[in-house]
């Protein structure tokens, strides 16, 4: 089985609906329905950027001592936001994460954590931020294409009122239905609106 390769060269993530957007969206939807994934060809992520990431940034990063890489820790409640390594059954696997890696500041903060003396940070920051920014824009374009393909890309804010039935009514006034938006928030007067985790 070979995954479909989808060319994003005519897609401008900042201008949905222009260029080859519609044709690429159709290919994305077909690939996801058929295979669940696809191989994206995204020329905005240049070979030079990939080389800078894989040769110039990740090699020195993964060459650091394990104790240094373990500084990338965000607490037990967020194990996938930091360093993963030495996991039973995953010999030779290591991973480090940068939350909001498409923004320069978190990348600089991460580099400062790994190289407090500034030893590798400038080239590392440029490479990681450059690649992360391109990947995030591709991800946003694909996400929007999927929402459009499902018919829910428009931002719809609907306010409704369901009046209470009279005491004499014995039937459900508004039966089973499907909302046309992706997320529905139902609030009822007299009940507090949830503002965060309990």
Foldseek 3Di string as FASTA:
>chain_A
DAFAEQECAQPDLVDAPDGCNVVSLVVLVVRCVVPVDHHYDYCLCPPVLVCLCPPVAVVVQVVADPVLQVLQDDDPVCRVQAWDDPDPPDPPDIDGHFVPQLDLPSLQVSVCSNPVVCPRRPSNSVSSNSNVVSVVSVVSSNVLSVCVVLVANDDDDDDDDDDDDDPPDDDDPDDDDDDRHDDDDDDDPPDDDDDDDD
